[in-house]
Every structure is written in structure tokens, then in C-alpha cells.
Amino acid sequence: DLKKDVKEKLQQEADKKAQVDMENSLITTVIENMEGDIPQCMYDNKINEMVNDFSYRLQSQGLKLETYLKYTGQTIQQLADMYKGEAEHRVKVELTLDAIRKAEGIEPTDEDVAKQIAEQAERMGQSVEDFEKTLTDEQRGYLRDTAAIQKVVDLMKQDCTVEEKKEEAAEEKAADAE
């Protein structure tokens, strides 16, 4: 029974990873074909947001950003430069998904939002009822936006064709054989 349970959990994890990889690949393909100029200030704002998030995470662990920079020998600019590529990618993804959402008139239903809330509650190890009691309006808005983005991704998946890359498949088979 234990072997069967472990095998099922590993399969579920593998299926979920494959799904996420496929969605990320789809989004990357879409943003590669995106046309238009994006103002530098949008990238700069995202970099600042990412640096602030990092600083907040450090603070939650009892460390100040200044202390972290001192110990790592970095400047704030070097830290910001580390986030540059990821920030550019995130801005493109956000703009692309938002444009599709607006063009298609996609809005999440109450059921979609409830599903997001349930999934988040599960990730936090809380009951849905307890989790909902703690949600702020801002957090509810975030979960509503997350539900809308999922609907956009689902729409994109409907019209795509998935092809397994032979190189990756061969590498995976070789890794499994070891």
C-alpha cells in the first residue's frame, strides 16, 4: 500500500510539473511573438518590486537588506541587476496575459475565485473557512486576478498543439534508466 501510495503521489507531482512546464512554454512562445515597445519604467518598477519583496522576505527572517548586502559584498544596484532578466520576463508575461484577458473579455466567475481560495487554503494547510476569514480585500483581488489569469492560460491551451521534444524525451528516458 505504501509503495502504491508513493507511486501515485510521484505520478501526480510529475503530471503537475509537466502541466506547469507546458503552460510556461506556451506563455514563453506567446511573449516571444509579442510586438510593441515597453517603457523602461515598467521594467524598473518590476525590479524595484522584486527587490522590495526580497527585502521583506529577509526581514521576516530577522535580517535587514543593508546587512545582507554588507555580508555579500553587493550594492543595491548589483542586486537590482540580478533581477533584471526576470523582471523583463514578468512584465512581458503580465502585459501579454492582460491583453488577452481584455481582448477576450475574460472575467472569473465566483466559482473560479472559490477554487483559487480553496487551492491557496490547501497550500497554507488551513481550512477554506479559516483561510477566508483572514483574507483582506487586496488578497481577494489578487486571487480574483489569479483566477482570471488561469482562465486566459486555459483558453490559450485550447488552441495549442503540444509536441514532445525528442531530445528532452531521450534525456528523461536515459535518466530513468540510471
N, C-alpha and C. Protein backbone atom coordinates (compact mmCIF):
# COMPACT_ATOMS: atom_id res chain seq x y z
N ASP A 1 0.82 -1.19 0.00
CA ASP A 1 0.00 0.00 0.00
C ASP A 1 0.87 1.26 0.00
N LEU A 2 1.93 1.23 0.81
CA LEU A 2 2.82 2.37 0.87
C LEU A 2 3.48 2.62 -0.48
N LYS A 3 3.92 1.54 -1.11
CA LYS A 3 4.56 1.65 -2.42
C LYS A 3 3.59 2.25 -3.44
N LYS A 4 2.37 1.76 -3.40
CA LYS A 4 1.34 2.26 -4.32
C LYS A 4 1.05 3.73 -4.06
N ASP A 5 0.96 4.11 -2.78
CA ASP A 5 0.68 5.50 -2.41
C ASP A 5 1.82 6.42 -2.87
N VAL A 6 3.06 6.00 -2.64
CA VAL A 6 4.22 6.79 -3.05
C VAL A 6 4.24 6.93 -4.57
N LYS A 7 3.96 5.84 -5.27
CA LYS A 7 3.95 5.87 -6.73
C LYS A 7 2.89 6.83 -7.25
N GLU A 8 1.69 6.80 -6.65
CA GLU A 8 0.61 7.71 -7.06
C GLU A 8 0.99 9.17 -6.82
N LYS A 9 1.59 9.44 -5.66
CA LYS A 9 1.99 10.82 -5.35
C LYS A 9 3.08 11.30 -6.30
N LEU A 10 4.04 10.44 -6.59
CA LEU A 10 5.10 10.82 -7.53
C LEU A 10 4.53 11.07 -8.93
N GLN A 11 3.56 10.26 -9.32
CA GLN A 11 2.92 10.45 -10.62
C GLN A 11 2.15 11.76 -10.67
N GLN A 12 1.44 12.07 -9.58
CA GLN A 12 0.71 13.34 -9.52
C GLN A 12 1.65 14.52 -9.60
N GLU A 13 2.78 14.44 -8.89
CA GLU A 13 3.78 15.51 -8.94
C GLU A 13 4.35 15.65 -10.35
N ALA A 14 4.64 14.52 -10.99
CA ALA A 14 5.19 14.55 -12.35
C ALA A 14 4.18 15.14 -13.33
N ASP A 15 2.91 14.75 -13.18
CA ASP A 15 1.86 15.29 -14.05
C ASP A 15 1.71 16.80 -13.86
N LYS A 16 1.74 17.22 -12.61
CA LYS A 16 1.61 18.66 -12.32
C LYS A 16 2.79 19.43 -12.89
N LYS A 17 4.00 18.89 -12.72
CA LYS A 17 5.20 19.55 -13.26
C LYS A 17 5.11 19.63 -14.78
N ALA A 18 4.67 18.58 -15.42
CA ALA A 18 4.54 18.58 -16.88
C ALA A 18 3.52 19.63 -17.32
N GLN A 19 2.44 19.75 -16.59
CA GLN A 19 1.41 20.74 -16.90
C GLN A 19 1.97 22.15 -16.76
N VAL A 20 2.68 22.42 -15.68
CA VAL A 20 3.27 23.75 -15.44
C VAL A 20 4.32 24.04 -16.51
N ASP A 21 5.15 23.06 -16.83
CA ASP A 21 6.16 23.25 -17.87
C ASP A 21 5.51 23.57 -19.22
N MET A 22 4.43 22.88 -19.53
CA MET A 22 3.73 23.13 -20.79
C MET A 22 3.14 24.54 -20.81
N GLU A 23 2.53 24.95 -19.70
CA GLU A 23 1.95 26.28 -19.63
C GLU A 23 3.03 27.35 -19.74
N ASN A 24 4.15 27.14 -19.06
CA ASN A 24 5.26 28.11 -19.15
C ASN A 24 5.82 28.19 -20.56
N SER A 25 5.93 27.06 -21.22
CA SER A 25 6.42 27.04 -22.59
C SER A 25 5.45 27.77 -23.52
N LEU A 26 4.17 27.56 -23.31
CA LEU A 26 3.15 28.23 -24.10
C LEU A 26 3.22 29.74 -23.92
N ILE A 27 3.32 30.17 -22.67
CA ILE A 27 3.41 31.61 -22.38
C ILE A 27 4.68 32.20 -22.98
N THR A 28 5.79 31.48 -22.87
CA THR A 28 7.05 31.96 -23.44
C THR A 28 6.93 32.12 -24.95
N THR A 29 6.29 31.16 -25.60
CA THR A 29 6.09 31.25 -27.05
C THR A 29 5.24 32.46 -27.41
N VAL A 30 4.21 32.71 -26.64
CA VAL A 30 3.35 33.85 -26.91
C VAL A 30 4.10 35.16 -26.73
N ILE A 31 4.89 35.30 -25.65
CA ILE A 31 5.58 36.57 -25.43
C ILE A 31 6.72 36.78 -26.42
N GLU A 32 7.28 35.68 -26.95
CA GLU A 32 8.31 35.83 -27.98
C GLU A 32 7.73 36.44 -29.25
N ASN A 33 6.45 36.22 -29.48
CA ASN A 33 5.80 36.75 -30.67
C ASN A 33 5.10 38.09 -30.40
N MET A 34 5.26 38.60 -29.20
CA MET A 34 4.65 39.87 -28.82
C MET A 34 5.35 41.01 -29.54
N GLU A 35 4.55 41.97 -29.99
CA GLU A 35 5.11 43.13 -30.66
C GLU A 35 4.74 44.37 -29.87
N GLY A 36 5.63 45.35 -29.90
CA GLY A 36 5.36 46.61 -29.22
C GLY A 36 6.52 47.00 -28.33
N ASP A 37 6.55 48.27 -28.03
CA ASP A 37 7.59 48.80 -27.16
C ASP A 37 7.07 48.88 -25.73
N ILE A 38 7.90 48.45 -24.82
CA ILE A 38 7.55 48.50 -23.41
C ILE A 38 8.43 49.57 -22.77
N PRO A 39 7.82 50.53 -22.11
CA PRO A 39 8.61 51.59 -21.48
C PRO A 39 9.56 51.03 -20.41
N GLN A 40 10.76 51.58 -20.36
CA GLN A 40 11.76 51.14 -19.38
C GLN A 40 11.24 51.26 -17.96
N CYS A 41 10.39 52.26 -17.72
CA CYS A 41 9.90 52.46 -16.35
C CYS A 41 9.10 51.26 -15.85
N MET A 42 8.47 50.52 -16.77
CA MET A 42 7.74 49.32 -16.34
C MET A 42 8.71 48.25 -15.84
N TYR A 43 9.82 48.10 -16.52
CA TYR A 43 10.85 47.16 -16.07
C TYR A 43 11.44 47.62 -14.74
N ASP A 44 11.73 48.92 -14.66
CA ASP A 44 12.31 49.46 -13.42
C ASP A 44 11.38 49.26 -12.24
N ASN A 45 10.09 49.49 -12.45
CA ASN A 45 9.12 49.30 -11.38
C ASN A 45 9.08 47.84 -10.92
N LYS A 46 9.14 46.92 -11.88
CA LYS A 46 9.12 45.50 -11.53
C LYS A 46 10.39 45.11 -10.77
N ILE A 47 11.54 45.65 -11.19
CA ILE A 47 12.79 45.37 -10.48
C ILE A 47 12.69 45.88 -9.04
N ASN A 48 12.18 47.09 -8.87
CA ASN A 48 12.03 47.64 -7.52
C ASN A 48 11.09 46.79 -6.68
N GLU A 49 10.01 46.32 -7.30
CA GLU A 49 9.06 45.46 -6.60
C GLU A 49 9.74 44.16 -6.16
N MET A 50 10.56 43.59 -7.02
CA MET A 50 11.25 42.35 -6.69
C MET A 50 12.29 42.56 -5.59
N VAL A 51 13.01 43.67 -5.63
CA VAL A 51 13.98 43.99 -4.58
C VAL A 51 13.25 44.19 -3.25
N ASN A 52 12.12 44.90 -3.29
CA ASN A 52 11.34 45.11 -2.07
C ASN A 52 10.80 43.80 -1.51
N ASP A 53 10.34 42.90 -2.39
CA ASP A 53 9.88 41.58 -1.95
C ASP A 53 11.01 40.81 -1.28
N PHE A 54 12.20 40.88 -1.88
CA PHE A 54 13.36 40.20 -1.31
C PHE A 54 13.69 40.78 0.06
N SER A 55 13.65 42.10 0.16
CA SER A 55 13.91 42.77 1.43
C SER A 55 12.90 42.34 2.50
N TYR A 56 11.64 42.25 2.10
CA TYR A 56 10.59 41.83 3.04
C TYR A 56 10.83 40.39 3.52
N ARG A 57 11.22 39.52 2.58
CA ARG A 57 11.49 38.13 2.96
C ARG A 57 12.67 38.05 3.94
N LEU A 58 13.69 38.88 3.69
CA LEU A 58 14.82 38.93 4.62
C LEU A 58 14.37 39.39 6.00
N GLN A 59 13.55 40.44 6.03
CA GLN A 59 13.07 40.97 7.30
C GLN A 59 12.27 39.93 8.07
N SER A 60 11.50 39.13 7.35
CA SER A 60 10.70 38.10 8.03
C SER A 60 11.60 37.03 8.65
N GLN A 61 12.85 36.98 8.20
CA GLN A 61 13.82 36.04 8.77
C GLN A 61 14.75 36.73 9.76
N GLY A 62 14.46 38.02 10.04
CA GLY A 62 15.25 38.76 11.03
C GLY A 62 16.51 39.39 10.49
N LEU A 63 16.58 39.62 9.19
CA LEU A 63 17.77 40.20 8.58
C LEU A 63 17.40 41.43 7.77
N LYS A 64 18.16 42.49 7.91
CA LYS A 64 17.90 43.70 7.13
C LYS A 64 18.62 43.61 5.79
N LEU A 65 18.06 44.25 4.78
CA LEU A 65 18.65 44.24 3.45
C LEU A 65 20.07 44.80 3.49
N GLU A 66 20.26 45.87 4.22
CA GLU A 66 21.58 46.50 4.31
C GLU A 66 22.62 45.52 4.86
N THR A 67 22.21 44.75 5.86
CA THR A 67 23.11 43.75 6.46
C THR A 67 23.43 42.66 5.45
N TYR A 68 22.41 42.21 4.73
CA TYR A 68 22.61 41.19 3.70
C TYR A 68 23.61 41.68 2.65
N LEU A 69 23.42 42.92 2.19
CA LEU A 69 24.31 43.48 1.17
C LEU A 69 25.74 43.59 1.70
N LYS A 70 25.88 43.96 2.97
CA LYS A 70 27.20 44.08 3.58
C LYS A 70 27.91 42.72 3.59
N TYR A 71 27.17 41.68 4.02
CA TYR A 71 27.76 40.34 4.11
C TYR A 71 28.08 39.75 2.74
N THR A 72 27.28 40.07 1.75
CA THR A 72 27.51 39.50 0.41
C THR A 72 28.43 40.38 -0.43
N GLY A 73 28.73 41.58 0.06
CA GLY A 73 29.61 42.48 -0.68
C GLY A 73 28.95 43.06 -1.93
N GLN A 74 27.63 43.10 -1.92
CA GLN A 74 26.89 43.62 -3.07
C GLN A 74 26.40 45.03 -2.78
N THR A 75 26.12 45.73 -3.86
CA THR A 75 25.43 47.01 -3.76
C THR A 75 23.98 46.78 -4.11
N ILE A 76 23.14 47.75 -3.79
CA ILE A 76 21.71 47.64 -4.13
C ILE A 76 21.56 47.56 -5.65
N GLN A 77 22.44 48.26 -6.39
CA GLN A 77 22.37 48.23 -7.85
C GLN A 77 22.72 46.84 -8.39
N GLN A 78 23.70 46.19 -7.79
CA GLN A 78 24.06 44.83 -8.22
C GLN A 78 22.91 43.86 -7.95
N LEU A 79 22.25 44.04 -6.81
CA LEU A 79 21.10 43.20 -6.50
C LEU A 79 19.99 43.43 -7.52
N ALA A 80 19.73 44.69 -7.83
CA ALA A 80 18.71 45.03 -8.82
C ALA A 80 19.07 44.46 -10.19
N ASP A 81 20.34 44.51 -10.54
CA ASP A 81 20.78 43.96 -11.84
C ASP A 81 20.54 42.46 -11.92
N MET A 82 20.63 41.78 -10.77
CA MET A 82 20.36 40.33 -10.74
C MET A 82 18.92 40.03 -11.15
N TYR A 83 18.01 40.95 -10.84
CA TYR A 83 16.60 40.73 -11.11
C TYR A 83 16.17 41.23 -12.49
N LYS A 84 17.06 41.85 -13.21
CA LYS A 84 16.70 42.50 -14.48
C LYS A 84 16.04 41.54 -15.48
N GLY A 85 16.66 40.43 -15.76
CA GLY A 85 16.12 39.49 -16.75
C GLY A 85 14.76 38.94 -16.35
N GLU A 86 14.65 38.54 -15.08
CA GLU A 86 13.39 38.00 -14.57
C GLU A 86 12.31 39.08 -14.59
N ALA A 87 12.68 40.32 -14.25
CA ALA A 87 11.70 41.41 -14.25
C ALA A 87 11.18 41.68 -15.66
N GLU A 88 12.06 41.67 -16.64
CA GLU A 88 11.64 41.88 -18.02
C GLU A 88 10.68 40.78 -18.46
N HIS A 89 11.00 39.56 -18.11
CA HIS A 89 10.13 38.43 -18.46
C HIS A 89 8.76 38.58 -17.80
N ARG A 90 8.76 38.90 -16.52
CA ARG A 90 7.48 39.04 -15.80
C ARG A 90 6.61 40.15 -16.39
N VAL A 91 7.24 41.28 -16.74
CA VAL A 91 6.47 42.39 -17.32
C VAL A 91 5.84 41.95 -18.63
N LYS A 92 6.60 41.27 -19.46
CA LYS A 92 6.07 40.80 -20.74
C LYS A 92 4.93 39.81 -20.54
N VAL A 93 5.09 38.90 -19.59
CA VAL A 93 4.04 37.92 -19.31
C VAL A 93 2.78 38.64 -18.83
N GLU A 94 2.93 39.55 -17.88
CA GLU A 94 1.77 40.27 -17.34
C GLU A 94 1.05 41.06 -18.43
N LEU A 95 1.81 41.77 -19.26
CA LEU A 95 1.20 42.56 -20.32
C LEU A 95 0.49 41.67 -21.34
N THR A 96 1.11 40.57 -21.70
CA THR A 96 0.53 39.66 -22.68
C THR A 96 -0.76 39.04 -22.16
N LEU A 97 -0.71 38.50 -20.95
CA LEU A 97 -1.90 37.86 -20.39
C LEU A 97 -3.02 38.87 -20.17
N ASP A 98 -2.66 40.08 -19.74
CA ASP A 98 -3.67 41.12 -19.54
C ASP A 98 -4.30 41.53 -20.87
N ALA A 99 -3.50 41.62 -21.93
CA ALA A 99 -4.03 41.99 -23.25
C ALA A 99 -4.99 40.91 -23.76
N ILE A 100 -4.63 39.65 -23.58
CA ILE A 100 -5.52 38.56 -23.99
C ILE A 100 -6.80 38.59 -23.16
N ARG A 101 -6.65 38.82 -21.87
CA ARG A 101 -7.82 38.88 -20.98
C ARG A 101 -8.79 39.96 -21.44
N LYS A 102 -8.26 41.15 -21.74
CA LYS A 102 -9.11 42.25 -22.18
C LYS A 102 -9.72 41.98 -23.55
N ALA A 103 -8.91 41.46 -24.47
CA ALA A 103 -9.39 41.20 -25.83
C ALA A 103 -10.50 40.15 -25.83
N GLU A 104 -10.39 39.18 -24.96
CA GLU A 104 -11.37 38.09 -24.91
C GLU A 104 -12.49 38.36 -23.90
N GLY A 105 -12.37 39.45 -23.14
CA GLY A 105 -13.39 39.77 -22.15
C GLY A 105 -13.50 38.72 -21.05
N ILE A 106 -12.37 38.23 -20.60
CA ILE A 106 -12.35 37.15 -19.62
C ILE A 106 -12.44 37.72 -18.21
N GLU A 107 -13.45 37.26 -17.50
CA GLU A 107 -13.63 37.59 -16.09
C GLU A 107 -13.91 36.30 -15.33
N PRO A 108 -13.31 36.16 -14.17
CA PRO A 108 -13.53 34.93 -13.40
C PRO A 108 -14.92 34.91 -12.77
N THR A 109 -15.48 33.73 -12.70
CA THR A 109 -16.77 33.56 -12.02
C THR A 109 -16.50 33.42 -10.52
N ASP A 110 -17.55 33.46 -9.74
CA ASP A 110 -17.41 33.25 -8.29
C ASP A 110 -16.85 31.86 -8.02
N GLU A 111 -17.23 30.89 -8.86
CA GLU A 111 -16.71 29.52 -8.72
C GLU A 111 -15.21 29.48 -8.96
N ASP A 112 -14.74 30.24 -9.98
CA ASP A 112 -13.31 30.29 -10.27
C ASP A 112 -12.54 30.85 -9.09
N VAL A 113 -13.06 31.91 -8.49
CA VAL A 113 -12.41 32.54 -7.35
C VAL A 113 -12.43 31.59 -6.14
N ALA A 114 -13.56 30.93 -5.94
CA ALA A 114 -13.67 29.98 -4.83
C ALA A 114 -12.65 28.85 -4.99
N LYS A 115 -12.42 28.42 -6.22
CA LYS A 115 -11.43 27.38 -6.48
C LYS A 115 -10.03 27.86 -6.12
N GLN A 116 -9.71 29.10 -6.48
CA GLN A 116 -8.40 29.68 -6.14
C GLN A 116 -8.23 29.78 -4.63
N ILE A 117 -9.29 30.20 -3.95
CA ILE A 117 -9.24 30.31 -2.49
C ILE A 117 -9.01 28.94 -1.87
N ALA A 118 -9.71 27.93 -2.36
CA ALA A 118 -9.56 26.57 -1.83
C ALA A 118 -8.14 26.05 -2.06
N GLU A 119 -7.59 26.31 -3.25
CA GLU A 119 -6.24 25.85 -3.55
C GLU A 119 -5.21 26.54 -2.65
N GLN A 120 -5.38 27.84 -2.45
CA GLN A 120 -4.45 28.59 -1.60
C GLN A 120 -4.57 28.12 -0.14
N ALA A 121 -5.79 27.89 0.32
CA ALA A 121 -6.00 27.40 1.68
C ALA A 121 -5.30 26.06 1.88
N GLU A 122 -5.40 25.19 0.87
CA GLU A 122 -4.75 23.89 0.94
C GLU A 122 -3.24 24.05 1.02
N ARG A 123 -2.68 24.95 0.18
CA ARG A 123 -1.23 25.19 0.20
C ARG A 123 -0.79 25.71 1.57
N MET A 124 -1.67 26.49 2.23
CA MET A 124 -1.33 27.06 3.54
C MET A 124 -1.64 26.09 4.68
N GLY A 125 -2.25 24.95 4.36
CA GLY A 125 -2.58 23.96 5.38
C GLY A 125 -3.71 24.41 6.29
N GLN A 126 -4.65 25.18 5.73
CA GLN A 126 -5.78 25.68 6.50
C GLN A 126 -7.08 25.23 5.87
N SER A 127 -8.12 25.27 6.67
CA SER A 127 -9.45 25.01 6.10
C SER A 127 -9.85 26.24 5.29
N VAL A 128 -10.72 26.03 4.32
CA VAL A 128 -11.17 27.13 3.46
C VAL A 128 -11.83 28.21 4.31
N GLU A 129 -12.64 27.80 5.27
CA GLU A 129 -13.36 28.75 6.12
C GLU A 129 -12.40 29.61 6.92
N ASP A 130 -11.40 28.99 7.55
CA ASP A 130 -10.43 29.74 8.35
C ASP A 130 -9.60 30.66 7.46
N PHE A 131 -9.20 30.17 6.29
CA PHE A 131 -8.40 30.96 5.37
C PHE A 131 -9.18 32.19 4.89
N GLU A 132 -10.44 31.98 4.54
CA GLU A 132 -11.26 33.09 4.04
C GLU A 132 -11.43 34.19 5.09
N LYS A 133 -11.49 33.82 6.35
CA LYS A 133 -11.64 34.81 7.42
C LYS A 133 -10.45 35.77 7.49
N THR A 134 -9.29 35.30 7.06
CA THR A 134 -8.07 36.11 7.17
C THR A 134 -7.80 36.96 5.93
N LEU A 135 -8.55 36.74 4.86
CA LEU A 135 -8.28 37.44 3.60
C LEU A 135 -8.66 38.92 3.67
N THR A 136 -7.74 39.76 3.18
CA THR A 136 -8.04 41.18 3.04
C THR A 136 -8.66 41.40 1.66
N ASP A 137 -9.20 42.58 1.43
CA ASP A 137 -9.75 42.89 0.11
C ASP A 137 -8.67 42.81 -0.96
N GLU A 138 -7.48 43.24 -0.62
CA GLU A 138 -6.37 43.18 -1.57
C GLU A 138 -6.04 41.74 -1.94
N GLN A 139 -6.02 40.87 -0.95
CA GLN A 139 -5.73 39.46 -1.19
C GLN A 139 -6.84 38.80 -2.02
N ARG A 140 -8.08 39.17 -1.75
CA ARG A 140 -9.19 38.65 -2.55
C ARG A 140 -9.05 39.11 -4.00
N GLY A 141 -8.66 40.36 -4.19
CA GLY A 141 -8.44 40.88 -5.55
C GLY A 141 -7.34 40.12 -6.26
N TYR A 142 -6.27 39.81 -5.52
CA TYR A 142 -5.17 39.04 -6.08
C TYR A 142 -5.66 37.66 -6.52
N LEU A 143 -6.45 37.00 -5.68
CA LEU A 143 -6.95 35.67 -6.02
C LEU A 143 -7.94 35.74 -7.19
N ARG A 144 -8.70 36.82 -7.30
CA ARG A 144 -9.60 37.02 -8.44
C ARG A 144 -8.76 37.17 -9.72
N ASP A 145 -7.70 37.96 -9.65
CA ASP A 145 -6.81 38.12 -10.81
C ASP A 145 -6.14 36.81 -11.18
N THR A 146 -5.74 36.05 -10.18
CA THR A 146 -5.12 34.74 -10.42
C THR A 146 -6.09 33.81 -11.14
N ALA A 147 -7.35 33.85 -10.72
CA ALA A 147 -8.38 33.02 -11.37
C ALA A 147 -8.56 33.45 -12.82
N ALA A 148 -8.53 34.76 -13.07
CA ALA A 148 -8.68 35.27 -14.44
C ALA A 148 -7.49 34.84 -15.30
N ILE A 149 -6.30 34.92 -14.75
CA ILE A 149 -5.10 34.52 -15.49
C ILE A 149 -5.17 33.04 -15.83
N GLN A 150 -5.65 32.23 -14.89
CA GLN A 150 -5.79 30.80 -15.17
C GLN A 150 -6.76 30.56 -16.31
N LYS A 151 -7.82 31.36 -16.36
CA LYS A 151 -8.78 31.22 -17.46
C LYS A 151 -8.14 31.60 -18.79
N VAL A 152 -7.27 32.61 -18.79
CA VAL A 152 -6.55 33.01 -20.01
C VAL A 152 -5.64 31.87 -20.46
N VAL A 153 -4.90 31.30 -19.52
CA VAL A 153 -3.99 30.19 -19.85
C VAL A 153 -4.79 29.00 -20.37
N ASP A 154 -5.92 28.71 -19.75
CA ASP A 154 -6.77 27.61 -20.21
C ASP A 154 -7.26 27.87 -21.64
N LEU A 155 -7.61 29.11 -21.93
CA LEU A 155 -8.05 29.48 -23.28
C LEU A 155 -6.90 29.26 -24.28
N MET A 156 -5.71 29.67 -23.91
CA MET A 156 -4.55 29.50 -24.79
C MET A 156 -4.27 28.02 -25.03
N LYS A 157 -4.45 27.19 -24.01
CA LYS A 157 -4.18 25.76 -24.15
C LYS A 157 -5.18 25.08 -25.08
N GLN A 158 -6.39 25.62 -25.15
CA GLN A 158 -7.41 25.02 -26.02
C GLN A 158 -6.98 25.01 -27.48
N ASP A 159 -6.27 26.05 -27.89
CA ASP A 159 -5.93 26.20 -29.30
C ASP A 159 -4.48 25.87 -29.61
N CYS A 160 -3.80 25.17 -28.71
CA CYS A 160 -2.40 24.87 -28.99
C CYS A 160 -2.21 23.39 -29.26
N THR A 161 -1.12 23.09 -29.91
CA THR A 161 -0.73 21.71 -30.17
C THR A 161 0.55 21.46 -29.40
N VAL A 162 0.58 20.41 -28.63
CA VAL A 162 1.75 20.09 -27.81
C VAL A 162 2.56 19.01 -28.50
N GLU A 163 3.86 19.31 -28.65
CA GLU A 163 4.77 18.34 -29.24
C GLU A 163 5.86 18.04 -28.23
N GLU A 164 6.12 16.76 -28.01
CA GLU A 164 7.19 16.39 -27.10
C GLU A 164 8.51 16.55 -27.83
N LYS A 165 9.45 17.23 -27.18
CA LYS A 165 10.78 17.40 -27.78
C LYS A 165 11.53 16.10 -27.63
N LYS A 166 12.04 15.60 -28.74
CA LYS A 166 12.70 14.29 -28.73
C LYS A 166 13.96 14.29 -27.89
N GLU A 167 14.72 15.40 -27.90
CA GLU A 167 15.94 15.46 -27.10
C GLU A 167 15.63 15.32 -25.63
N GLU A 168 14.64 16.06 -25.16
CA GLU A 168 14.27 16.02 -23.74
C GLU A 168 13.70 14.65 -23.39
N ALA A 169 12.91 14.08 -24.28
CA ALA A 169 12.34 12.77 -24.01
C ALA A 169 13.43 11.73 -23.90
N ALA A 170 14.45 11.80 -24.77
CA ALA A 170 15.55 10.86 -24.73
C ALA A 170 16.37 11.03 -23.45
N GLU A 171 16.59 12.29 -23.04
CA GLU A 171 17.32 12.56 -21.80
C GLU A 171 16.57 12.02 -20.60
N GLU A 172 15.25 12.20 -20.59
CA GLU A 172 14.45 11.71 -19.49
C GLU A 172 14.48 10.19 -19.41
N LYS A 173 14.41 9.52 -20.58
CA LYS A 173 14.47 8.05 -20.60
C LYS A 173 15.83 7.58 -20.10
N ALA A 174 16.90 8.27 -20.49
CA ALA A 174 18.25 7.91 -20.05
C ALA A 174 18.37 8.10 -18.54
N ALA A 175 17.82 9.18 -18.03
CA ALA A 175 17.86 9.44 -16.59
C ALA A 175 17.06 8.40 -15.82
N ASP A 176 15.91 8.00 -16.37
CA ASP A 176 15.09 6.98 -15.73
C ASP A 176 15.79 5.63 -15.70
N ALA A 177 16.58 5.34 -16.75
CA ALA A 177 17.26 4.06 -16.84
C ALA A 177 18.37 3.94 -15.79
N GLU A 178 18.93 5.08 -15.39
CA GLU A 178 20.01 5.05 -14.39
C GLU A 178 19.43 4.80 -13.07
